[in-house]
Amino acid sequence: MKRNDIAKSILMQLIVFLIPYLCLAQTNAEDLKEVVSQLTRTREALIKETENLSPDQWQFKESPERWSIAEIVEHLGNWELLWARELAMITLNKPNPELRNICKPDTYYQTFIMEDKLHNASDISRPSGFIKGQDTILWFTKLRNDNIRFAEGIKVNLRDQFEMTALENPRNMYNVYIYVWGHVDRHIKQIQKVKGNVIFPK
């Protein structure tokens, strides 16, 4: 075999070897772009949904056991803090690409977070009521901005970083991000329901 043919053969083998890694890198870049886009979109959507509310509108409850808009937004802010810790910890785990085979599809997480069924908030995420009205959106926005900056600086592959690895279906970092932005979409629907109540203050 001629020297040029040998060189071409080696080059082709190298390309074949590298293609999967190049594809993974491209996929991760697209995932990261989507994460930042969705985090930004839902931040802006929540701000728009709550702008120009009066104090009475912030505090209105459909019934005594339901949350006011201020409480809903405080709850979202609380979760931004919890997400920040959770996501930071996931980046410290060793990559586990082999777990991709047992990870549930993205649609599972998208469907769960947006289902109509009532979800029970964890005690740590429940609103305290100490943050009032417009201050709740400032609380949320500050923490969401922090989370966006964190996402913009991520160096790991979202599909290879896992949590809950002892479970039958561990979830990867991208799955968690689906919950982060989906959780806001879910509660925006709740806020719209509150505002649509026939006795919502005008």
Protein backbone atom coordinates (compact mmCIF):
# COMPACT_ATOMS: atom_id res chain seq x y z
CA MET A 1 0.00 0.00 0.00
CA LYS A 2 1.32 3.45 -0.93
CA ARG A 3 2.18 5.95 1.75
CA ASN A 4 -0.64 8.28 0.64
CA ASP A 5 -3.14 5.43 0.81
CA ILE A 6 -1.98 4.52 4.31
CA ALA A 7 -2.36 8.15 5.40
CA LYS A 8 -5.86 8.33 3.90
CA SER A 9 -6.82 5.08 5.61
CA ILE A 10 -5.61 6.35 8.99
CA LEU A 11 -7.43 9.65 8.47
CA MET A 12 -10.69 7.89 7.62
CA GLN A 13 -10.43 5.68 10.71
CA LEU A 14 -9.78 8.75 12.83
CA ILE A 15 -12.81 10.54 11.39
CA VAL A 16 -15.03 7.50 12.02
CA PHE A 17 -13.74 7.37 15.59
CA LEU A 18 -14.35 11.07 16.24
CA ILE A 19 -17.78 11.45 14.63
CA PRO A 20 -19.76 10.22 17.68
CA TYR A 21 -17.89 12.63 19.94
CA LEU A 22 -18.40 15.53 17.55
CA CYS A 23 -22.11 14.74 17.35
CA LEU A 24 -22.38 14.62 21.15
CA ALA A 25 -20.62 17.97 21.42
CA GLN A 26 -23.03 19.47 18.89
CA THR A 27 -26.03 18.01 20.70
CA ASN A 28 -24.84 19.43 24.02
CA ALA A 29 -24.36 22.88 22.47
CA GLU A 30 -27.94 22.74 21.19
CA ASP A 31 -29.20 21.55 24.58
CA LEU A 32 -27.43 24.39 26.37
CA LYS A 33 -28.83 26.92 23.91
CA GLU A 34 -32.33 25.54 24.48
CA VAL A 35 -31.92 25.67 28.26
CA VAL A 36 -30.89 29.33 28.27
CA SER A 37 -33.66 30.18 25.80
CA GLN A 38 -36.36 28.46 27.88
CA LEU A 39 -35.14 29.92 31.17
CA THR A 40 -35.21 33.38 29.62
CA ARG A 41 -38.61 32.84 28.00
CA THR A 42 -40.31 31.70 31.20
CA ARG A 43 -38.72 34.52 33.23
CA GLU A 44 -40.14 37.08 30.82
CA ALA A 45 -43.52 35.33 30.66
CA LEU A 46 -43.87 35.41 34.45
CA ILE A 47 -42.88 39.07 34.64
CA LYS A 48 -45.44 39.93 31.95
CA GLU A 49 -48.18 37.88 33.64
CA THR A 50 -47.70 39.71 36.95
CA GLU A 51 -47.01 43.26 35.80
CA ASN A 52 -49.22 46.14 36.96
CA LEU A 53 -51.01 44.11 39.64
CA SER A 54 -52.52 46.05 42.52
CA PRO A 55 -51.84 45.02 46.15
CA ASP A 56 -55.33 43.53 46.33
CA GLN A 57 -54.73 41.52 43.17
CA TRP A 58 -51.41 40.20 44.48
CA GLN A 59 -53.09 38.98 47.67
CA PHE A 60 -56.39 37.70 46.25
CA LYS A 61 -57.18 34.02 46.91
CA GLU A 62 -59.78 31.96 45.08
CA SER A 63 -60.50 30.25 48.41
CA PRO A 64 -58.79 30.17 51.83
CA GLU A 65 -56.79 27.02 51.00
CA ARG A 66 -55.58 28.26 47.61
CA TRP A 67 -52.49 30.39 47.07
CA SER A 68 -52.52 34.05 46.11
CA ILE A 69 -50.45 35.22 43.14
CA ALA A 70 -47.84 36.55 45.58
CA GLU A 71 -47.61 33.13 47.22
CA ILE A 72 -47.35 31.37 43.85
CA VAL A 73 -44.46 33.60 42.79
CA GLU A 74 -42.72 33.24 46.16
CA HIS A 75 -43.01 29.46 45.73
CA LEU A 76 -41.36 29.77 42.30
CA GLY A 77 -38.56 31.81 43.81
CA ASN A 78 -38.04 29.21 46.53
CA TRP A 79 -37.72 26.55 43.87
CA GLU A 80 -35.19 28.62 41.92
CA LEU A 81 -32.98 28.45 45.02
CA LEU A 82 -33.53 24.68 45.31
CA TRP A 83 -32.84 24.15 41.60
CA ALA A 84 -29.61 26.13 41.86
CA ARG A 85 -28.28 23.81 44.56
CA GLU A 86 -29.48 20.68 42.79
CA LEU A 87 -27.97 21.60 39.43
CA ALA A 88 -24.65 22.65 40.96
CA MET A 89 -24.39 19.29 42.72
CA ILE A 90 -25.12 17.37 39.50
CA THR A 91 -22.19 19.04 37.75
CA LEU A 92 -19.89 17.66 40.46
CA ASN A 93 -20.86 14.06 39.69
CA LYS A 94 -18.77 11.91 37.38
CA PRO A 95 -20.25 11.63 33.85
CA ASN A 96 -22.35 8.49 33.37
CA PRO A 97 -23.10 8.24 29.63
CA GLU A 98 -24.01 4.57 30.05
CA LEU A 99 -27.11 5.64 32.01
CA ARG A 100 -28.61 7.20 28.89
CA ASN A 101 -30.03 3.78 28.04
CA ILE A 102 -32.23 3.67 31.15
CA CYS A 103 -33.13 7.35 31.35
CA LYS A 104 -36.77 8.22 30.63
CA PRO A 105 -37.38 10.31 27.48
CA ASP A 106 -37.72 14.08 27.68
CA THR A 107 -41.43 13.78 26.94
CA TYR A 108 -41.96 11.98 30.26
CA TYR A 109 -40.73 15.02 32.19
CA GLN A 110 -42.53 17.49 29.92
CA THR A 111 -45.82 15.64 30.38
CA PHE A 112 -45.46 15.28 34.15
CA ILE A 113 -44.66 18.91 34.88
CA MET A 114 -47.57 20.17 32.76
CA GLU A 115 -50.24 17.62 33.74
CA ASP A 116 -53.53 18.95 35.10
CA LYS A 117 -53.29 16.77 38.21
CA LEU A 118 -52.64 18.71 41.42
CA HIS A 119 -49.05 18.51 42.68
CA ASN A 120 -48.28 18.77 46.38
CA ALA A 121 -45.55 21.29 47.17
CA SER A 122 -42.74 20.19 49.45
CA ASP A 123 -42.71 21.91 52.83
CA ILE A 124 -39.43 23.66 52.09
CA SER A 125 -40.83 25.25 48.93
CA ARG A 126 -44.12 26.46 50.39
CA PRO A 127 -44.55 30.24 50.53
CA SER A 128 -43.95 31.86 53.90
CA GLY A 129 -45.99 34.98 53.18
CA PHE A 130 -43.13 37.13 54.42
CA ILE A 131 -42.39 38.39 50.90
CA LYS A 132 -45.15 40.68 49.72
CA GLY A 133 -46.59 41.59 46.33
CA GLN A 134 -44.12 42.94 43.80
CA ASP A 135 -41.19 41.87 45.99
CA THR A 136 -41.95 38.26 45.13
CA ILE A 137 -41.22 38.82 41.43
CA LEU A 138 -37.98 40.61 42.38
CA TRP A 139 -37.06 37.56 44.49
CA PHE A 140 -37.80 35.18 41.65
CA THR A 141 -36.09 37.28 38.97
CA LYS A 142 -32.88 37.67 40.94
CA LEU A 143 -32.60 33.90 41.43
CA ARG A 144 -33.62 33.09 37.85
CA ASN A 145 -30.96 35.46 36.54
CA ASP A 146 -28.41 33.64 38.69
CA ASN A 147 -29.56 30.33 37.21
CA ILE A 148 -29.32 31.65 33.67
CA ARG A 149 -25.75 32.81 34.26
CA PHE A 150 -24.93 29.40 35.70
CA ALA A 151 -26.38 27.66 32.62
CA GLU A 152 -24.39 29.92 30.31
CA GLY A 153 -21.18 28.77 31.98
CA ILE A 154 -21.83 25.01 32.03
CA LYS A 155 -18.95 22.92 30.65
CA VAL A 156 -20.32 19.40 31.19
CA ASN A 157 -22.57 17.40 28.85
CA LEU A 158 -26.12 17.72 30.18
CA ARG A 159 -27.08 14.26 28.93
CA ASP A 160 -24.18 12.56 30.76
CA GLN A 161 -24.61 14.17 34.18
CA PHE A 162 -27.08 12.24 36.33
CA GLU A 163 -28.71 12.38 39.72
CA MET A 164 -30.70 9.73 41.61
CA THR A 165 -28.42 7.09 40.10
CA ALA A 166 -29.64 4.41 42.51
CA LEU A 167 -33.14 4.57 41.01
CA GLU A 168 -34.44 2.46 38.16
CA ASN A 169 -34.66 5.53 35.92
CA PRO A 170 -32.13 8.19 36.97
CA ARG A 171 -32.61 11.60 35.44
CA ASN A 172 -30.00 13.63 33.63
CA MET A 173 -29.29 17.32 33.93
CA TYR A 174 -31.32 18.23 30.86
CA ASN A 175 -34.31 16.40 32.37
CA VAL A 176 -33.97 18.55 35.47
CA TYR A 177 -33.91 21.70 33.36
CA ILE A 178 -37.19 20.64 31.75
CA TYR A 179 -38.65 20.77 35.26
CA VAL A 180 -37.04 24.17 35.95
CA TRP A 181 -38.72 25.98 33.05
CA GLY A 182 -41.80 23.74 33.01
CA HIS A 183 -42.48 24.52 36.67
CA VAL A 184 -42.83 28.21 35.80
CA ASP A 185 -45.07 27.43 32.81
CA ARG A 186 -47.23 25.31 35.10
CA HIS A 187 -47.69 28.09 37.64
CA ILE A 188 -48.27 30.75 35.01
CA LYS A 189 -51.36 28.72 34.10
CA GLN A 190 -52.33 28.80 37.78
CA ILE A 191 -51.87 32.58 37.91
CA GLN A 192 -54.04 32.97 34.81
CA LYS A 193 -56.72 30.91 36.53
CA VAL A 194 -56.58 33.17 39.59
CA LYS A 195 -56.84 36.29 37.42
CA GLY A 196 -59.77 34.76 35.56
CA ASN A 197 -61.83 34.32 38.71
CA VAL A 198 -65.12 36.22 38.52
CA ILE A 199 -64.43 38.04 41.80
CA PHE A 200 -60.76 38.85 41.05
CA PRO A 201 -60.24 42.49 42.08
CA LYS A 202 -60.44 45.00 39.24
